[in-house]
Amino acid sequence: VAGIAIAHVASFARLSYFQFASYDNGSSFYDLARYDQAAWNTIHGRLLMFTDSDGHTGRTMCRLGTHVDLIHVFFSLFYLLHSSPVTLLTLQSLVIGLATWPLYRFTKIVSDSDTMAFAVCLAFLMHPGIQQGNLAQFHAVCAAPLCLFALFYTLEAKRWRAFWILLALTLICKENLALTTCAVGIWLFMKG
């Protein structure tokens, strides 16, 4: 599983970089520019601020006015090492690749099969939606699979302290994940 995760990260970080460097995105880098500016502003003391533009005028606003994705503060810390949109694109590929680790562990517990766990991880990384999402600029919600798979693993492994931490991390990925975590709570309640 580590091999396919490393291959995914290396391939998609490189593809994302080439797409960015050649300005080939099929539309624009609108979201990437917003996240880039929010990351840069965050490490300079202006939490998640960016310039919103309608094409003619710009106004400064906070990312929390569009989406509640506080996990972007974590991504912003990497701008202390290298302040570039390429940092975000690379981190996105890395976070998606890392999601295979808890997915493998969770699937291994549920299926009791190394082969099944490997196949599920391979299917995750080969899914067109995951691959397209990895190449479609940058979005902080890319951390959701890692957080959710780790949440499911800690739930099955009955590691409650880690479960609550991961629940909080999942909730800060994006506002609509609250509904998903409610479903996890209902499932946990019904499971007993």
Protein backbone atom coordinates (compact mmCIF):
# COMPACT_ATOMS: atom_id res chain seq x y z
CA VAL A 1 0.00 0.00 0.00
CA ALA A 2 2.88 2.35 0.76
CA GLY A 3 4.12 1.83 -2.79
CA ILE A 4 0.87 2.85 -4.47
CA ALA A 5 0.51 5.81 -2.10
CA ILE A 6 4.05 7.01 -2.88
CA ALA A 7 3.46 6.52 -6.61
CA HIS A 8 0.21 8.50 -6.37
CA VAL A 9 1.81 11.36 -4.45
CA ALA A 10 4.82 11.55 -6.77
CA SER A 11 2.71 11.33 -9.95
CA PHE A 12 -0.03 13.75 -8.94
CA ALA A 13 2.27 16.29 -7.30
CA ARG A 14 4.23 16.34 -10.56
CA LEU A 15 1.11 16.51 -12.76
CA SER A 16 -0.31 19.31 -10.61
CA TYR A 17 2.95 21.22 -10.87
CA PHE A 18 3.12 20.86 -14.66
CA GLN A 19 -0.51 21.90 -15.00
CA PHE A 20 0.17 24.96 -12.84
CA ALA A 21 3.46 25.84 -14.57
CA SER A 22 1.89 25.62 -18.03
CA TYR A 23 -1.26 27.54 -17.02
CA ASP A 24 -3.26 24.60 -18.36
CA ASN A 25 -6.31 24.22 -16.18
CA GLY A 26 -9.14 24.39 -18.67
CA SER A 27 -10.56 27.44 -16.91
CA SER A 28 -8.64 29.39 -14.31
CA PHE A 29 -6.72 29.17 -11.08
CA TYR A 30 -9.36 31.14 -9.22
CA ASP A 31 -9.63 28.85 -6.17
CA LEU A 32 -5.90 28.20 -6.05
CA ALA A 33 -5.26 31.96 -6.04
CA ARG A 34 -7.71 32.44 -3.17
CA TYR A 35 -6.14 29.66 -1.09
CA ASP A 36 -2.64 30.87 -1.92
CA GLN A 37 -3.44 34.40 -0.81
CA ALA A 38 -5.23 33.16 2.33
CA ALA A 39 -2.23 31.00 3.27
CA TRP A 40 0.23 33.86 2.73
CA ASN A 41 -1.92 36.27 4.72
CA THR A 42 -2.39 33.76 7.54
CA ILE A 43 1.34 33.38 8.16
CA HIS A 44 1.59 37.18 8.11
CA GLY A 45 -1.02 37.67 10.82
CA ARG A 46 -4.20 38.12 8.75
CA LEU A 47 -6.10 34.88 9.41
CA LEU A 48 -7.43 33.42 6.13
CA MET A 49 -7.85 36.80 4.44
CA PHE A 50 -7.91 37.11 0.65
CA THR A 51 -9.08 39.52 -2.03
CA ASP A 52 -12.41 38.61 -3.56
CA SER A 53 -12.92 40.00 -7.03
CA ASP A 54 -15.82 40.24 -9.44
CA GLY A 55 -13.39 41.00 -12.25
CA HIS A 56 -13.57 44.77 -11.84
CA THR A 57 -13.17 45.54 -8.16
CA GLY A 58 -11.70 43.70 -5.22
CA ARG A 59 -12.61 43.53 -1.58
CA THR A 60 -10.73 41.93 1.25
CA MET A 61 -12.60 39.19 3.05
CA CYS A 62 -12.01 36.13 5.18
CA ARG A 63 -12.26 32.59 3.73
CA LEU A 64 -14.70 31.83 6.52
CA GLY A 65 -17.14 34.08 4.64
CA THR A 66 -17.23 31.55 1.79
CA HIS A 67 -16.48 28.20 3.47
CA VAL A 68 -15.64 27.10 6.98
CA ASP A 69 -12.44 25.23 6.21
CA LEU A 70 -10.25 26.01 9.19
CA ILE A 71 -7.97 23.11 8.24
CA HIS A 72 -6.44 25.61 5.80
CA VAL A 73 -4.66 27.21 8.76
CA PHE A 74 -2.70 23.95 9.03
CA PHE A 75 -1.85 24.04 5.30
CA SER A 76 -0.79 27.68 5.71
CA LEU A 77 1.95 26.69 8.16
CA PHE A 78 3.85 25.09 5.29
CA TYR A 79 4.16 28.55 3.74
CA LEU A 80 6.73 29.20 6.44
CA LEU A 81 8.93 26.68 4.57
CA HIS A 82 8.02 27.62 1.00
CA SER A 83 5.46 30.28 0.11
CA SER A 84 4.06 29.14 -3.25
CA PRO A 85 0.90 27.71 -4.79
CA VAL A 86 3.05 24.68 -5.62
CA THR A 87 3.27 24.03 -1.87
CA LEU A 88 -0.51 23.71 -1.70
CA LEU A 89 -0.67 21.48 -4.78
CA THR A 90 2.03 19.19 -3.38
CA LEU A 91 0.37 19.05 0.04
CA GLN A 92 -2.93 18.15 -1.59
CA SER A 93 -1.34 15.16 -3.34
CA LEU A 94 0.43 14.16 -0.12
CA VAL A 95 -2.71 14.33 2.01
CA ILE A 96 -4.69 12.26 -0.50
CA GLY A 97 -1.90 9.68 -0.63
CA LEU A 98 -1.70 9.55 3.17
CA ALA A 99 -5.41 8.75 3.32
CA THR A 100 -4.58 5.21 2.19
CA TRP A 101 -2.91 4.41 5.53
CA PRO A 102 -6.04 4.69 7.73
CA LEU A 103 -8.20 3.33 4.87
CA TYR A 104 -6.02 0.22 4.74
CA ARG A 105 -6.11 -0.22 8.52
CA PHE A 106 -9.89 0.28 8.66
CA THR A 107 -10.56 -2.11 5.79
CA LYS A 108 -8.22 -4.70 7.30
CA ILE A 109 -10.21 -4.65 10.56
CA VAL A 110 -13.58 -4.85 8.80
CA SER A 111 -12.67 -7.46 6.16
CA ASP A 112 -9.83 -9.32 7.91
CA SER A 113 -8.12 -9.48 4.51
CA ASP A 114 -4.88 -7.84 3.37
CA THR A 115 -5.91 -8.36 -0.25
CA MET A 116 -9.25 -6.64 0.24
CA ALA A 117 -7.62 -3.76 2.12
CA PHE A 118 -5.08 -3.31 -0.68
CA ALA A 119 -7.82 -3.46 -3.34
CA VAL A 120 -9.90 -0.82 -1.55
CA CYS A 121 -6.89 1.50 -1.29
CA LEU A 122 -6.07 0.99 -4.95
CA ALA A 123 -9.69 1.66 -5.91
CA PHE A 124 -9.66 4.86 -3.83
CA LEU A 125 -6.53 6.20 -5.53
CA MET A 126 -7.71 5.13 -8.99
CA HIS A 127 -11.17 6.66 -8.62
CA PRO A 128 -11.64 9.37 -11.28
CA GLY A 129 -13.25 11.72 -8.75
CA ILE A 130 -10.24 11.52 -6.44
CA GLN A 131 -7.82 11.98 -9.33
CA GLN A 132 -9.76 14.88 -10.83
CA GLY A 133 -10.10 16.49 -7.41
CA ASN A 134 -6.34 16.17 -6.98
CA LEU A 135 -5.75 18.00 -10.26
CA ALA A 136 -8.50 20.63 -9.92
CA GLN A 137 -6.50 23.44 -8.39
CA PHE A 138 -6.37 23.20 -4.57
CA HIS A 139 -9.14 22.76 -2.04
CA ALA A 140 -8.62 22.35 1.70
CA VAL A 141 -11.37 19.74 1.78
CA CYS A 142 -8.76 17.36 0.27
CA ALA A 143 -7.95 16.55 3.92
CA ALA A 144 -11.45 15.11 4.45
CA PRO A 145 -10.71 11.56 3.23
CA LEU A 146 -7.65 11.33 5.49
CA CYS A 147 -9.63 12.60 8.49
CA LEU A 148 -12.71 10.48 7.75
CA PHE A 149 -10.79 7.25 7.12
CA ALA A 150 -8.78 7.81 10.29
CA LEU A 151 -12.03 8.55 12.13
CA PHE A 152 -13.54 5.25 10.91
CA TYR A 153 -10.37 3.37 11.86
CA THR A 154 -10.31 4.78 15.40
CA LEU A 155 -14.00 3.99 15.73
CA GLU A 156 -13.50 0.34 14.75
CA ALA A 157 -10.31 0.06 16.84
CA LYS A 158 -12.14 1.67 19.81
CA ARG A 159 -9.42 4.27 20.25
CA TRP A 160 -11.72 6.88 21.74
CA ARG A 161 -9.27 9.70 22.50
CA ALA A 162 -7.99 9.63 18.93
CA PHE A 163 -11.60 9.34 17.70
CA TRP A 164 -12.59 12.64 19.34
CA ILE A 165 -9.50 14.42 18.02
CA LEU A 166 -10.19 13.14 14.51
CA LEU A 167 -13.83 14.11 14.80
CA ALA A 168 -12.75 17.68 15.51
CA LEU A 169 -10.27 17.61 12.60
CA THR A 170 -12.96 16.29 10.27
CA LEU A 171 -15.31 19.08 11.29
CA ILE A 172 -12.75 21.77 10.44
CA CYS A 173 -12.21 20.42 6.91
CA LYS A 174 -15.45 21.94 5.60
CA GLU A 175 -18.81 22.99 6.96
CA ASN A 176 -20.82 20.28 5.20
CA LEU A 177 -18.88 17.48 6.93
CA ALA A 178 -20.94 18.09 10.07
CA LEU A 179 -23.75 16.12 8.42
CA THR A 180 -21.39 13.24 7.66
CA THR A 181 -20.13 13.16 11.23
CA CYS A 182 -23.75 13.17 12.46
CA ALA A 183 -24.28 10.00 10.41
CA VAL A 184 -21.21 8.50 12.10
CA GLY A 185 -22.73 9.39 15.47
CA ILE A 186 -26.05 7.76 14.55
CA TRP A 187 -24.20 4.65 13.38
CA LEU A 188 -22.18 4.57 16.61
CA PHE A 189 -25.38 4.95 18.66
CA MET A 190 -27.13 2.14 16.78
CA LYS A 191 -24.08 -0.10 17.03
CA GLY A 192 -24.13 0.30 20.78
